[in-house]
Amino acid sequence: EVQTYFETLDVDPHEAKALFQMLDMNDSGSIDFEEFLSGCIRLQGPAKSMDLLLVARDMRHELKRLTSRLLRLYQVQNAGTIPGMPQERPPGAANEQDEAV
């Protein structure tokens, strides 16, 4: 019965692990009814343009976030700045204009 359902969704039954991981949205190791229903709805039909745009947007956001964190880590480990990149000042740090007054 499950194999027939997979065929209806055009999903290869041998990809069950990947399917389970996709359905397990909160990485709990189990799938509740809401996750199952939501995942099955997403599996019906081809991906929509809007779905692909949302994924692309999320990936761009994540790339910017990770790049920023890596730059800060590099600065901390090397106790300096990266050439061509603006240096972040700690909160409350005075800038050169404040010191001149």
N, C-alpha and C. Protein backbone atom coordinates (compact mmCIF):
# COMPACT_ATOMS: atom_id res chain seq x y z
N GLU A 1 0.83 -1.20 0.00
CA GLU A 1 0.00 0.00 0.00
C GLU A 1 0.88 1.26 0.00
N VAL A 2 1.92 1.27 0.84
CA VAL A 2 2.82 2.43 0.89
C VAL A 2 3.57 2.56 -0.43
N GLN A 3 3.99 1.43 -1.00
CA GLN A 3 4.72 1.47 -2.27
C GLN A 3 3.83 2.04 -3.37
N THR A 4 2.56 1.69 -3.37
CA THR A 4 1.61 2.23 -4.34
C THR A 4 1.46 3.74 -4.15
N TYR A 5 1.42 4.18 -2.90
CA TYR A 5 1.31 5.60 -2.61
C TYR A 5 2.55 6.35 -3.12
N PHE A 6 3.74 5.76 -2.90
CA PHE A 6 4.97 6.38 -3.41
C PHE A 6 4.91 6.50 -4.93
N GLU A 7 4.42 5.46 -5.60
CA GLU A 7 4.31 5.50 -7.06
C GLU A 7 3.34 6.59 -7.49
N THR A 8 2.25 6.78 -6.75
CA THR A 8 1.28 7.84 -7.04
C THR A 8 1.94 9.21 -6.96
N LEU A 9 2.84 9.37 -6.00
CA LEU A 9 3.56 10.64 -5.82
C LEU A 9 4.77 10.76 -6.73
N ASP A 10 5.04 9.69 -7.51
CA ASP A 10 6.21 9.64 -8.39
C ASP A 10 7.50 9.70 -7.58
N VAL A 11 7.54 8.95 -6.45
CA VAL A 11 8.71 8.88 -5.58
C VAL A 11 9.21 7.45 -5.58
N ASP A 12 10.51 7.27 -5.81
CA ASP A 12 11.12 5.95 -5.80
C ASP A 12 11.14 5.44 -4.36
N PRO A 13 10.55 4.26 -4.10
CA PRO A 13 10.52 3.72 -2.73
C PRO A 13 11.91 3.55 -2.11
N HIS A 14 12.96 3.42 -2.93
CA HIS A 14 14.31 3.26 -2.41
C HIS A 14 14.86 4.57 -1.84
N GLU A 15 14.17 5.66 -2.07
CA GLU A 15 14.61 6.95 -1.55
C GLU A 15 13.89 7.28 -0.25
N ALA A 16 13.47 6.26 0.47
CA ALA A 16 12.69 6.44 1.69
C ALA A 16 13.43 7.28 2.75
N LYS A 17 14.73 7.06 2.90
CA LYS A 17 15.48 7.79 3.91
C LYS A 17 15.48 9.28 3.60
N ALA A 18 15.75 9.63 2.35
CA ALA A 18 15.74 11.04 1.95
C ALA A 18 14.34 11.63 2.12
N LEU A 19 13.33 10.85 1.79
CA LEU A 19 11.95 11.30 1.95
C LEU A 19 11.64 11.54 3.42
N PHE A 20 12.05 10.61 4.28
CA PHE A 20 11.82 10.77 5.71
C PHE A 20 12.48 12.04 6.23
N GLN A 21 13.74 12.27 5.82
CA GLN A 21 14.46 13.45 6.28
C GLN A 21 13.79 14.73 5.79
N MET A 22 13.23 14.69 4.59
CA MET A 22 12.53 15.86 4.08
C MET A 22 11.23 16.12 4.85
N LEU A 23 10.53 15.04 5.20
CA LEU A 23 9.27 15.20 5.92
C LEU A 23 9.49 15.60 7.38
N ASP A 24 10.60 15.18 7.96
CA ASP A 24 10.90 15.49 9.36
C ASP A 24 11.43 16.92 9.47
N MET A 25 10.54 17.89 9.41
CA MET A 25 10.89 19.30 9.32
C MET A 25 11.64 19.81 10.56
N ASN A 26 11.36 19.26 11.73
CA ASN A 26 12.02 19.75 12.95
C ASN A 26 13.18 18.86 13.40
N ASP A 27 13.61 17.93 12.54
CA ASP A 27 14.74 17.04 12.84
C ASP A 27 14.60 16.30 14.16
N SER A 28 13.37 15.90 14.47
CA SER A 28 13.13 15.20 15.74
C SER A 28 13.38 13.70 15.64
N GLY A 29 13.51 13.18 14.42
CA GLY A 29 13.67 11.74 14.25
C GLY A 29 12.35 11.01 14.12
N SER A 30 11.25 11.77 14.19
CA SER A 30 9.93 11.20 13.97
C SER A 30 9.10 12.20 13.17
N ILE A 31 8.04 11.71 12.59
CA ILE A 31 7.19 12.56 11.76
C ILE A 31 5.80 12.58 12.38
N ASP A 32 5.35 13.76 12.76
CA ASP A 32 3.99 13.87 13.29
C ASP A 32 3.03 14.07 12.11
N PHE A 33 1.74 14.04 12.41
CA PHE A 33 0.73 14.12 11.37
C PHE A 33 0.86 15.40 10.54
N GLU A 34 1.10 16.51 11.21
CA GLU A 34 1.20 17.80 10.50
C GLU A 34 2.38 17.79 9.53
N GLU A 35 3.54 17.27 9.96
CA GLU A 35 4.71 17.19 9.09
C GLU A 35 4.42 16.27 7.90
N PHE A 36 3.77 15.15 8.17
CA PHE A 36 3.46 14.20 7.10
C PHE A 36 2.53 14.82 6.08
N LEU A 37 1.46 15.43 6.55
CA LEU A 37 0.48 16.04 5.66
C LEU A 37 1.10 17.17 4.85
N SER A 38 1.85 18.03 5.52
CA SER A 38 2.50 19.15 4.85
C SER A 38 3.47 18.65 3.79
N GLY A 39 4.25 17.63 4.11
CA GLY A 39 5.21 17.08 3.17
C GLY A 39 4.55 16.44 1.98
N CYS A 40 3.47 15.71 2.21
CA CYS A 40 2.77 15.07 1.10
C CYS A 40 2.17 16.10 0.16
N ILE A 41 1.65 17.17 0.70
CA ILE A 41 1.10 18.24 -0.13
C ILE A 41 2.20 18.86 -0.98
N ARG A 42 3.38 19.06 -0.38
CA ARG A 42 4.51 19.64 -1.12
C ARG A 42 5.00 18.70 -2.22
N LEU A 43 4.85 17.40 -2.02
CA LEU A 43 5.33 16.43 -3.01
C LEU A 43 4.43 16.33 -4.24
N GLN A 44 3.20 16.75 -4.15
CA GLN A 44 2.30 16.63 -5.28
C GLN A 44 2.69 17.61 -6.38
N GLY A 45 2.79 17.09 -7.58
CA GLY A 45 3.06 17.94 -8.73
C GLY A 45 4.48 18.47 -8.75
N PRO A 46 4.83 19.16 -9.83
CA PRO A 46 6.18 19.72 -9.95
C PRO A 46 6.36 20.93 -9.04
N ALA A 47 7.60 21.25 -8.77
CA ALA A 47 7.89 22.43 -7.95
C ALA A 47 7.38 23.67 -8.66
N LYS A 48 6.79 24.56 -7.90
CA LYS A 48 6.27 25.80 -8.45
C LYS A 48 7.36 26.85 -8.45
N SER A 49 7.25 27.80 -9.35
CA SER A 49 8.23 28.88 -9.43
C SER A 49 8.38 29.59 -8.10
N MET A 50 7.28 29.82 -7.41
CA MET A 50 7.32 30.51 -6.13
C MET A 50 8.13 29.72 -5.12
N ASP A 51 7.96 28.39 -5.11
CA ASP A 51 8.73 27.54 -4.19
C ASP A 51 10.22 27.70 -4.47
N LEU A 52 10.60 27.69 -5.74
CA LEU A 52 12.01 27.80 -6.10
C LEU A 52 12.56 29.18 -5.74
N LEU A 53 11.76 30.22 -5.91
CA LEU A 53 12.19 31.57 -5.54
C LEU A 53 12.40 31.68 -4.03
N LEU A 54 11.52 31.07 -3.26
CA LEU A 54 11.66 31.10 -1.81
C LEU A 54 12.92 30.37 -1.36
N VAL A 55 13.21 29.24 -1.98
CA VAL A 55 14.42 28.49 -1.63
C VAL A 55 15.65 29.32 -2.00
N ALA A 56 15.64 29.94 -3.18
CA ALA A 56 16.78 30.77 -3.60
C ALA A 56 16.98 31.94 -2.64
N ARG A 57 15.88 32.57 -2.21
CA ARG A 57 15.98 33.68 -1.27
C ARG A 57 16.56 33.22 0.05
N ASP A 58 16.09 32.10 0.55
CA ASP A 58 16.60 31.56 1.82
C ASP A 58 18.08 31.23 1.72
N MET A 59 18.49 30.67 0.59
CA MET A 59 19.90 30.33 0.40
C MET A 59 20.77 31.58 0.35
N ARG A 60 20.31 32.64 -0.32
CA ARG A 60 21.07 33.90 -0.36
C ARG A 60 21.21 34.48 1.03
N HIS A 61 20.12 34.47 1.79
CA HIS A 61 20.14 35.00 3.15
C HIS A 61 21.15 34.23 4.01
N GLU A 62 21.10 32.91 3.91
CA GLU A 62 21.99 32.07 4.70
C GLU A 62 23.45 32.28 4.29
N LEU A 63 23.71 32.44 3.00
CA LEU A 63 25.07 32.68 2.52
C LEU A 63 25.61 34.00 3.08
N LYS A 64 24.80 35.05 3.07
CA LYS A 64 25.23 36.34 3.63
C LYS A 64 25.52 36.22 5.12
N ARG A 65 24.66 35.52 5.84
CA ARG A 65 24.84 35.35 7.28
C ARG A 65 26.12 34.59 7.58
N LEU A 66 26.35 33.50 6.88
CA LEU A 66 27.55 32.69 7.12
C LEU A 66 28.82 33.44 6.70
N THR A 67 28.76 34.17 5.61
CA THR A 67 29.92 34.95 5.17
C THR A 67 30.29 35.99 6.22
N SER A 68 29.30 36.66 6.76
CA SER A 68 29.54 37.66 7.80
C SER A 68 30.17 37.03 9.03
N ARG A 69 29.67 35.88 9.44
CA ARG A 69 30.23 35.21 10.62
C ARG A 69 31.66 34.75 10.37
N LEU A 70 31.93 34.25 9.17
CA LEU A 70 33.29 33.81 8.85
C LEU A 70 34.26 34.98 8.84
N LEU A 71 33.84 36.13 8.32
CA LEU A 71 34.70 37.31 8.32
C LEU A 71 35.01 37.76 9.74
N ARG A 72 34.01 37.76 10.61
CA ARG A 72 34.25 38.14 12.01
C ARG A 72 35.19 37.16 12.69
N LEU A 73 35.03 35.88 12.42
CA LEU A 73 35.92 34.86 12.99
C LEU A 73 37.35 35.08 12.50
N TYR A 74 37.50 35.35 11.23
CA TYR A 74 38.83 35.61 10.67
C TYR A 74 39.46 36.82 11.37
N GLN A 75 38.69 37.87 11.57
CA GLN A 75 39.21 39.08 12.23
C GLN A 75 39.64 38.77 13.66
N VAL A 76 38.85 38.02 14.38
CA VAL A 76 39.18 37.69 15.76
C VAL A 76 40.44 36.83 15.83
N GLN A 77 40.52 35.83 14.98
CA GLN A 77 41.67 34.93 15.03
C GLN A 77 42.95 35.61 14.57
N ASN A 78 42.85 36.54 13.67
CA ASN A 78 44.04 37.20 13.16
C ASN A 78 44.27 38.56 13.78
N ALA A 79 43.41 38.95 14.71
CA ALA A 79 43.52 40.22 15.42
C ALA A 79 43.80 41.37 14.46
N GLY A 80 43.14 41.36 13.36
CA GLY A 80 43.33 42.42 12.38
C GLY A 80 42.12 42.54 11.49
N THR A 81 42.33 43.19 10.41
CA THR A 81 41.24 43.38 9.47
C THR A 81 41.58 42.73 8.15
N ILE A 82 40.59 42.53 7.37
CA ILE A 82 40.76 41.99 6.03
C ILE A 82 40.90 43.17 5.09
N PRO A 83 41.95 43.21 4.27
CA PRO A 83 42.12 44.35 3.35
C PRO A 83 40.88 44.56 2.50
N GLY A 84 40.46 45.81 2.42
CA GLY A 84 39.30 46.15 1.61
C GLY A 84 37.96 45.98 2.31
N MET A 85 37.97 45.44 3.53
CA MET A 85 36.72 45.24 4.26
C MET A 85 36.64 46.23 5.40
N PRO A 86 35.48 46.86 5.61
CA PRO A 86 35.36 47.79 6.74
C PRO A 86 35.49 47.04 8.05
N GLN A 87 36.18 47.64 9.00
CA GLN A 87 36.37 47.00 10.30
C GLN A 87 35.20 47.36 11.19
N GLU A 88 34.65 46.36 11.86
CA GLU A 88 33.55 46.60 12.79
C GLU A 88 34.12 47.08 14.11
N ARG A 89 33.52 48.14 14.67
CA ARG A 89 33.93 48.64 15.99
C ARG A 89 33.04 48.01 17.04
N PRO A 90 33.60 47.71 18.19
CA PRO A 90 32.77 47.18 19.28
C PRO A 90 31.75 48.23 19.69
N PRO A 91 30.58 47.81 20.16
CA PRO A 91 29.58 48.77 20.62
C PRO A 91 30.16 49.68 21.70
N GLY A 92 29.90 50.97 21.58
CA GLY A 92 30.36 51.94 22.58
C GLY A 92 31.77 52.44 22.33
N ALA A 93 32.44 51.91 21.32
CA ALA A 93 33.81 52.35 21.04
C ALA A 93 33.77 53.72 20.38
N ALA A 94 34.65 54.61 20.81
CA ALA A 94 34.70 55.95 20.25
C ALA A 94 35.42 55.91 18.92
N ASN A 95 34.96 56.74 17.98
CA ASN A 95 35.69 56.82 16.73
C ASN A 95 36.66 57.98 16.77
N GLU A 96 37.47 58.14 15.73
CA GLU A 96 38.51 59.18 15.73
C GLU A 96 37.92 60.58 15.86
N GLN A 97 36.74 60.81 15.30
CA GLN A 97 36.11 62.13 15.38
C GLN A 97 35.73 62.46 16.83
N ASP A 98 35.25 61.46 17.58
CA ASP A 98 34.89 61.70 18.98
C ASP A 98 36.11 62.03 19.82
N GLU A 99 37.23 61.39 19.54
CA GLU A 99 38.44 61.61 20.33
C GLU A 99 39.03 62.98 20.05
N ALA A 100 38.82 63.54 18.84
CA ALA A 100 39.39 64.83 18.48
C ALA A 100 38.69 65.99 19.22
N VAL A 101 37.48 65.77 19.69
CA VAL A 101 36.72 66.83 20.35
C VAL A 101 37.15 67.04 21.75
